[in-house]
Amino acid sequence: MSSLEDRLQDHEDAAKILLARMRAAAKGRGEHRLRGTPKGTSLAGDPRSTSSDKQKRAAASGSRSADRRDPNLLGGVVDGLIKTRGWSSPVAVGSVVARWEQLVGTAIAEHCKPEKFENGVVEVICDSSAWATNLKLMQPQLMDVFNRELGPGIVTGLSIRGPQAPSWKKGLYSVRGRGPRDTYG
């Protein structure tokens, strides 16, 4: 039993020695220990006391008042950071491309892909001219979805293109005319 007590005593001594080293290193850097809680900080006093009217009303209604030191959800923290830094517009622009399938639906996303996003205009490439025409007809509904999901003014327009046919123009000179016919039936 005494060997266990000796080992515990050694661990306590090691912790004390390590704490003394850390304090000496901090003192060497010019840092000093606070001997009490500074006034005007969130650590001064009992943070859960019901001294203010707001906290009294929250206690009377049965809800628990939030403390600034309580953990927050990551999404709320990131949203607050985006708002305070003024990043809402660039984040919304990136989310158009990242959330394309969620915004327009799986059927449209299979046939139409966003190519780029510049000056509020999303350039969309469709794999057939029929899908491009269909998407042009659906443009007002898509703009409503973008305004509702991303916020107004983020997406100001859609530039919709069908597939690009190969060019039959070869060389420096070409003859004007209708070009090859009956190729795409």
C-alpha atoms as a PDB file:
ATOM      1  CA  MET A   1       0.000   0.000   0.000  1.00  0.00           C
ATOM      2  CA  SER A   2       2.850   2.350   0.707  1.00  0.00           C
ATOM      3  CA  SER A   3       4.228   1.931  -2.823  1.00  0.00           C
ATOM      4  CA  LEU A   4       0.924   3.198  -4.258  1.00  0.00           C
ATOM      5  CA  GLU A   5       1.023   6.229  -1.968  1.00  0.00           C
ATOM      6  CA  ASP A   6       4.624   6.889  -3.008  1.00  0.00           C
ATOM      7  CA  ARG A   7       3.668   6.805  -6.691  1.00  0.00           C
ATOM      8  CA  LEU A   8       0.735   9.167  -6.093  1.00  0.00           C
ATOM      9  CA  GLN A   9       3.038  11.508  -4.177  1.00  0.00           C
ATOM     10  CA  ASP A  10       5.503  11.467  -7.106  1.00  0.00           C
ATOM     11  CA  HIS A  11       2.707  12.371  -9.560  1.00  0.00           C
ATOM     12  CA  GLU A  12       1.565  15.251  -7.372  1.00  0.00           C
ATOM     13  CA  ASP A  13       5.130  16.500  -7.137  1.00  0.00           C
ATOM     14  CA  ALA A  14       5.532  16.240 -10.931  1.00  0.00           C
ATOM     15  CA  ALA A  15       2.379  18.303 -11.425  1.00  0.00           C
ATOM     16  CA  LYS A  16       3.571  20.944  -8.956  1.00  0.00           C
ATOM     17  CA  ILE A  17       6.974  21.100 -10.639  1.00  0.00           C
ATOM     18  CA  LEU A  18       5.360  21.459 -14.091  1.00  0.00           C
ATOM     19  CA  LEU A  19       3.044  24.220 -12.827  1.00  0.00           C
ATOM     20  CA  ALA A  20       6.002  26.067 -11.291  1.00  0.00           C
ATOM     21  CA  ARG A  21       7.889  25.811 -14.624  1.00  0.00           C
ATOM     22  CA  MET A  22       4.911  27.136 -16.581  1.00  0.00           C
ATOM     23  CA  ARG A  23       4.507  30.074 -14.183  1.00  0.00           C
ATOM     24  CA  ALA A  24       8.221  30.880 -14.425  1.00  0.00           C
ATOM     25  CA  ALA A  25       8.069  30.774 -18.242  1.00  0.00           C
ATOM     26  CA  ALA A  26       5.040  33.086 -18.255  1.00  0.00           C
ATOM     27  CA  LYS A  27       6.763  35.476 -15.874  1.00  0.00           C
ATOM     28  CA  GLY A  28       9.813  35.454 -18.171  1.00  0.00           C
ATOM     29  CA  ARG A  29       7.573  36.512 -21.074  1.00  0.00           C
ATOM     30  CA  GLY A  30       6.260  39.413 -19.024  1.00  0.00           C
ATOM     31  CA  GLU A  31       2.864  37.906 -18.252  1.00  0.00           C
ATOM     32  CA  HIS A  32       1.464  38.175 -14.751  1.00  0.00           C
ATOM     33  CA  ARG A  33      -1.236  36.360 -12.804  1.00  0.00           C
ATOM     34  CA  LEU A  34      -4.528  38.013 -12.083  1.00  0.00           C
ATOM     35  CA  ARG A  35      -5.285  38.022  -8.375  1.00  0.00           C
ATOM     36  CA  GLY A  36      -9.010  38.446  -8.895  1.00  0.00           C
ATOM     37  CA  THR A  37     -11.577  38.771 -11.623  1.00  0.00           C
ATOM     38  CA  PRO A  38     -11.362  42.060 -13.481  1.00  0.00           C
ATOM     39  CA  LYS A  39     -14.357  44.344 -13.112  1.00  0.00           C
ATOM     40  CA  GLY A  40     -16.637  44.734 -16.089  1.00  0.00           C
ATOM     41  CA  THR A  41     -15.959  41.274 -17.491  1.00  0.00           C
ATOM     42  CA  SER A  42     -18.353  38.400 -17.874  1.00  0.00           C
ATOM     43  CA  LEU A  43     -16.483  36.557 -15.130  1.00  0.00           C
ATOM     44  CA  ALA A  44     -17.203  39.194 -12.474  1.00  0.00           C
ATOM     45  CA  GLY A  45     -19.949  38.104 -10.095  1.00  0.00           C
ATOM     46  CA  ASP A  46     -22.327  35.207 -10.462  1.00  0.00           C
ATOM     47  CA  PRO A  47     -23.258  34.936 -14.146  1.00  0.00           C
ATOM     48  CA  ARG A  48     -26.433  33.017 -13.341  1.00  0.00           C
ATOM     49  CA  SER A  49     -27.756  35.442 -10.750  1.00  0.00           C
ATOM     50  CA  THR A  50     -31.166  36.983 -11.395  1.00  0.00           C
ATOM     51  CA  SER A  51     -30.262  40.533 -10.481  1.00  0.00           C
ATOM     52  CA  SER A  52     -31.359  42.211 -13.696  1.00  0.00           C
ATOM     53  CA  ASP A  53     -34.955  42.658 -14.803  1.00  0.00           C
ATOM     54  CA  LYS A  54     -34.384  40.634 -17.959  1.00  0.00           C
ATOM     55  CA  GLN A  55     -33.124  37.664 -15.993  1.00  0.00           C
ATOM     56  CA  LYS A  56     -35.990  38.015 -13.497  1.00  0.00           C
ATOM     57  CA  ARG A  57     -38.534  37.900 -16.332  1.00  0.00           C
ATOM     58  CA  ALA A  58     -36.800  34.890 -17.871  1.00  0.00           C
ATOM     59  CA  ALA A  59     -36.834  33.097 -14.508  1.00  0.00           C
ATOM     60  CA  ALA A  60     -40.517  33.944 -13.988  1.00  0.00           C
ATOM     61  CA  SER A  61     -41.454  32.564 -17.402  1.00  0.00           C
ATOM     62  CA  GLY A  62     -39.514  29.369 -16.723  1.00  0.00           C
ATOM     63  CA  SER A  63     -36.905  29.799 -19.467  1.00  0.00           C
ATOM     64  CA  ARG A  64     -33.227  29.646 -18.667  1.00  0.00           C
ATOM     65  CA  SER A  65     -31.238  32.743 -19.588  1.00  0.00           C
ATOM     66  CA  ALA A  66     -28.276  32.169 -21.855  1.00  0.00           C
ATOM     67  CA  ASP A  67     -24.802  32.742 -20.526  1.00  0.00           C
ATOM     68  CA  ARG A  68     -22.106  34.021 -22.894  1.00  0.00           C
ATOM     69  CA  ARG A  69     -19.838  31.216 -21.750  1.00  0.00           C
ATOM     70  CA  ASP A  70     -22.320  28.471 -22.629  1.00  0.00           C
ATOM     71  CA  PRO A  71     -21.404  26.426 -25.717  1.00  0.00           C
ATOM     72  CA  ASN A  72     -23.097  27.432 -28.972  1.00  0.00           C
ATOM     73  CA  LEU A  73     -23.915  25.429 -32.061  1.00  0.00           C
ATOM     74  CA  LEU A  74     -21.262  25.726 -34.764  1.00  0.00           C
ATOM     75  CA  GLY A  75     -23.777  26.834 -37.397  1.00  0.00           C
ATOM     76  CA  GLY A  76     -24.846  29.803 -35.277  1.00  0.00           C
ATOM     77  CA  VAL A  77     -21.261  30.836 -34.653  1.00  0.00           C
ATOM     78  CA  VAL A  78     -20.374  30.604 -38.361  1.00  0.00           C
ATOM     79  CA  ASP A  79     -23.522  32.554 -39.331  1.00  0.00           C
ATOM     80  CA  GLY A  80     -22.577  35.303 -36.867  1.00  0.00           C
ATOM     81  CA  LEU A  81     -19.042  35.416 -38.259  1.00  0.00           C
ATOM     82  CA  ILE A  82     -20.332  35.671 -41.828  1.00  0.00           C
ATOM     83  CA  LYS A  83     -22.666  38.543 -40.904  1.00  0.00           C
ATOM     84  CA  THR A  84     -20.108  40.517 -38.886  1.00  0.00           C
ATOM     85  CA  ARG A  85     -17.387  40.183 -41.541  1.00  0.00           C
ATOM     86  CA  GLY A  86     -19.707  41.098 -44.429  1.00  0.00           C
ATOM     87  CA  TRP A  87     -19.204  37.815 -46.228  1.00  0.00           C
ATOM     88  CA  SER A  88     -22.889  37.072 -46.876  1.00  0.00           C
ATOM     89  CA  SER A  89     -22.752  37.857 -50.588  1.00  0.00           C
ATOM     90  CA  PRO A  90     -19.600  35.812 -51.421  1.00  0.00           C
ATOM     91  CA  VAL A  91     -20.863  32.876 -49.354  1.00  0.00           C
ATOM     92  CA  ALA A  92     -24.227  32.994 -51.129  1.00  0.00           C
ATOM     93  CA  VAL A  93     -22.454  33.070 -54.502  1.00  0.00           C
ATOM     94  CA  GLY A  94     -20.485  29.964 -53.570  1.00  0.00           C
ATOM     95  CA  SER A  95     -23.594  28.246 -52.305  1.00  0.00           C
ATOM     96  CA  VAL A  96     -25.327  28.632 -55.691  1.00  0.00           C
ATOM     97  CA  VAL A  97     -22.808  26.293 -57.293  1.00  0.00           C
ATOM     98  CA  ALA A  98     -22.457  24.038 -54.246  1.00  0.00           C
ATOM     99  CA  ARG A  99     -26.229  23.694 -53.655  1.00  0.00           C
ATOM    100  CA  TRP A 100     -27.270  23.634 -57.317  1.00  0.00           C
ATOM    101  CA  GLU A 101     -29.042  20.253 -57.125  1.00  0.00           C
ATOM    102  CA  GLN A 102     -30.864  21.238 -53.937  1.00  0.00           C
ATOM    103  CA  LEU A 103     -31.970  24.579 -55.410  1.00  0.00           C
ATOM    104  CA  VAL A 104     -33.177  23.443 -58.845  1.00  0.00           C
ATOM    105  CA  GLY A 105     -34.036  19.774 -58.238  1.00  0.00           C
ATOM    106  CA  THR A 106     -32.412  16.524 -59.298  1.00  0.00           C
ATOM    107  CA  ALA A 107     -34.037  16.311 -62.751  1.00  0.00           C
ATOM    108  CA  ILE A 108     -32.748  19.718 -63.839  1.00  0.00           C
ATOM    109  CA  ALA A 109     -29.368  19.195 -62.146  1.00  0.00           C
ATOM    110  CA  GLU A 110     -28.778  16.010 -64.167  1.00  0.00           C
ATOM    111  CA  HIS A 111     -29.059  17.905 -67.460  1.00  0.00           C
ATOM    112  CA  CYS A 112     -28.052  21.490 -66.616  1.00  0.00           C
ATOM    113  CA  LYS A 113     -24.850  22.501 -64.814  1.00  0.00           C
ATOM    114  CA  PRO A 114     -23.748  25.931 -63.588  1.00  0.00           C
ATOM    115  CA  GLU A 115     -20.613  26.940 -65.472  1.00  0.00           C
ATOM    116  CA  LYS A 116     -19.712  30.194 -63.703  1.00  0.00           C
ATOM    117  CA  PHE A 117     -21.155  32.989 -61.591  1.00  0.00           C
ATOM    118  CA  GLU A 118     -20.130  36.573 -62.373  1.00  0.00           C
ATOM    119  CA  ASN A 119     -21.795  39.890 -61.464  1.00  0.00           C
ATOM    120  CA  GLY A 120     -24.896  38.145 -60.159  1.00  0.00           C
ATOM    121  CA  VAL A 121     -25.487  36.164 -63.369  1.00  0.00           C
ATOM    122  CA  VAL A 122     -25.285  32.378 -63.295  1.00  0.00           C
ATOM    123  CA  GLU A 123     -24.143  30.884 -66.605  1.00  0.00           C
ATOM    124  CA  VAL A 124     -25.797  27.497 -67.091  1.00  0.00           C
ATOM    125  CA  ILE A 125     -24.852  24.904 -69.729  1.00  0.00           C
ATOM    126  CA  CYS A 126     -27.499  22.327 -70.660  1.00  0.00           C
ATOM    127  CA  ASP A 127     -26.772  19.009 -72.359  1.00  0.00           C
ATOM    128  CA  SER A 128     -29.520  19.464 -74.978  1.00  0.00           C
ATOM    129  CA  SER A 129     -31.297  22.350 -76.630  1.00  0.00           C
ATOM    130  CA  ALA A 130     -34.622  21.013 -75.315  1.00  0.00           C
ATOM    131  CA  TRP A 131     -33.400  21.343 -71.718  1.00  0.00           C
ATOM    132  CA  ALA A 132     -32.043  24.815 -72.455  1.00  0.00           C
ATOM    133  CA  THR A 133     -35.435  25.904 -73.814  1.00  0.00           C
ATOM    134  CA  ASN A 134     -37.225  24.331 -70.849  1.00  0.00           C
ATOM    135  CA  LEU A 135     -34.908  26.109 -68.400  1.00  0.00           C
ATOM    136  CA  LYS A 136     -35.454  29.440 -70.175  1.00  0.00           C
ATOM    137  CA  LEU A 137     -39.197  28.977 -69.700  1.00  0.00           C
ATOM    138  CA  MET A 138     -38.679  28.137 -66.028  1.00  0.00           C
ATOM    139  CA  GLN A 139     -36.402  31.126 -65.406  1.00  0.00           C
ATOM    140  CA  PRO A 140     -38.962  33.186 -63.367  1.00  0.00           C
ATOM    141  CA  GLN A 141     -39.633  30.246 -61.025  1.00  0.00           C
ATOM    142  CA  LEU A 142     -35.891  29.617 -60.595  1.00  0.00           C
ATOM    143  CA  MET A 143     -35.298  33.272 -59.782  1.00  0.00           C
ATOM    144  CA  ASP A 144     -38.004  33.074 -57.105  1.00  0.00           C
ATOM    145  CA  VAL A 145     -36.271  30.039 -55.601  1.00  0.00           C
ATOM    146  CA  PHE A 146     -32.885  31.818 -55.627  1.00  0.00           C
ATOM    147  CA  ASN A 147     -34.343  34.932 -53.979  1.00  0.00           C
ATOM    148  CA  ARG A 148     -36.108  32.873 -51.317  1.00  0.00           C
ATOM    149  CA  GLU A 149     -33.204  30.521 -50.510  1.00  0.00           C
ATOM    150  CA  LEU A 150     -30.189  32.819 -50.960  1.00  0.00           C
ATOM    151  CA  GLY A 151     -31.624  36.262 -50.373  1.00  0.00           C
ATOM    152  CA  PRO A 152     -32.715  38.999 -52.745  1.00  0.00           C
ATOM    153  CA  GLY A 153     -30.168  40.465 -55.135  1.00  0.00           C
ATOM    154  CA  ILE A 154     -27.632  37.637 -54.980  1.00  0.00           C
ATOM    155  CA  VAL A 155     -28.651  36.076 -58.301  1.00  0.00           C
ATOM    156  CA  THR A 156     -29.800  38.772 -60.709  1.00  0.00           C
ATOM    157  CA  GLY A 157     -30.090  36.684 -63.872  1.00  0.00           C
ATOM    158  CA  LEU A 158     -29.503  33.406 -65.664  1.00  0.00           C
ATOM    159  CA  SER A 159     -27.552  32.950 -68.882  1.00  0.00           C
ATOM    160  CA  ILE A 160     -28.709  29.632 -70.322  1.00  0.00           C
ATOM    161  CA  ARG A 161     -26.910  27.932 -73.208  1.00  0.00           C
ATOM    162  CA  GLY A 162     -27.465  24.650 -74.980  1.00  0.00           C
ATOM    163  CA  PRO A 163     -24.726  22.327 -76.196  1.00  0.00           C
ATOM    164  CA  GLN A 164     -22.108  23.755 -78.489  1.00  0.00           C
ATOM    165  CA  ALA A 165     -22.080  22.217 -81.962  1.00  0.00           C
ATOM    166  CA  PRO A 166     -18.693  21.619 -83.530  1.00  0.00           C
ATOM    167  CA  SER A 167     -17.423  24.305 -85.866  1.00  0.00           C
ATOM    168  CA  TRP A 168     -17.150  23.335 -89.490  1.00  0.00           C
ATOM    169  CA  LYS A 169     -15.028  26.345 -90.269  1.00  0.00           C
ATOM    170  CA  LYS A 170     -11.520  25.179 -91.009  1.00  0.00           C
ATOM    171  CA  GLY A 171      -8.555  27.337 -91.931  1.00  0.00           C
ATOM    172  CA  LEU A 172      -8.258  31.083 -92.434  1.00  0.00           C
ATOM    173  CA  TYR A 173     -10.805  31.464 -95.215  1.00  0.00           C
ATOM    174  CA  SER A 174     -14.328  30.180 -95.447  1.00  0.00           C
ATOM    175  CA  VAL A 175     -17.198  30.398 -97.875  1.00  0.00           C
ATOM    176  CA  ARG A 176     -20.370  32.053 -96.643  1.00  0.00           C
ATOM    177  CA  GLY A 177     -23.458  29.970 -96.823  1.00  0.00           C
ATOM    178  CA  ARG A 178     -25.600  27.575 -94.899  1.00  0.00           C
ATOM    179  CA  GLY A 179     -22.829  25.093 -94.296  1.00  0.00           C
ATOM    180  CA  PRO A 180     -23.352  21.377 -93.967  1.00  0.00           C
ATOM    181  CA  ARG A 181     -26.962  20.306 -93.838  1.00  0.00           C
ATOM    182  CA  ASP A 182     -28.665  17.096 -92.774  1.00  0.00           C
ATOM    183  CA  THR A 183     -25.848  16.464 -90.317  1.00  0.00           C
ATOM    184  CA  TYR A 184     -27.880  16.796 -87.137  1.00  0.00           C
ATOM    185  CA  GLY A 185     -31.119  15.491 -88.649  1.00  0.00           C
END
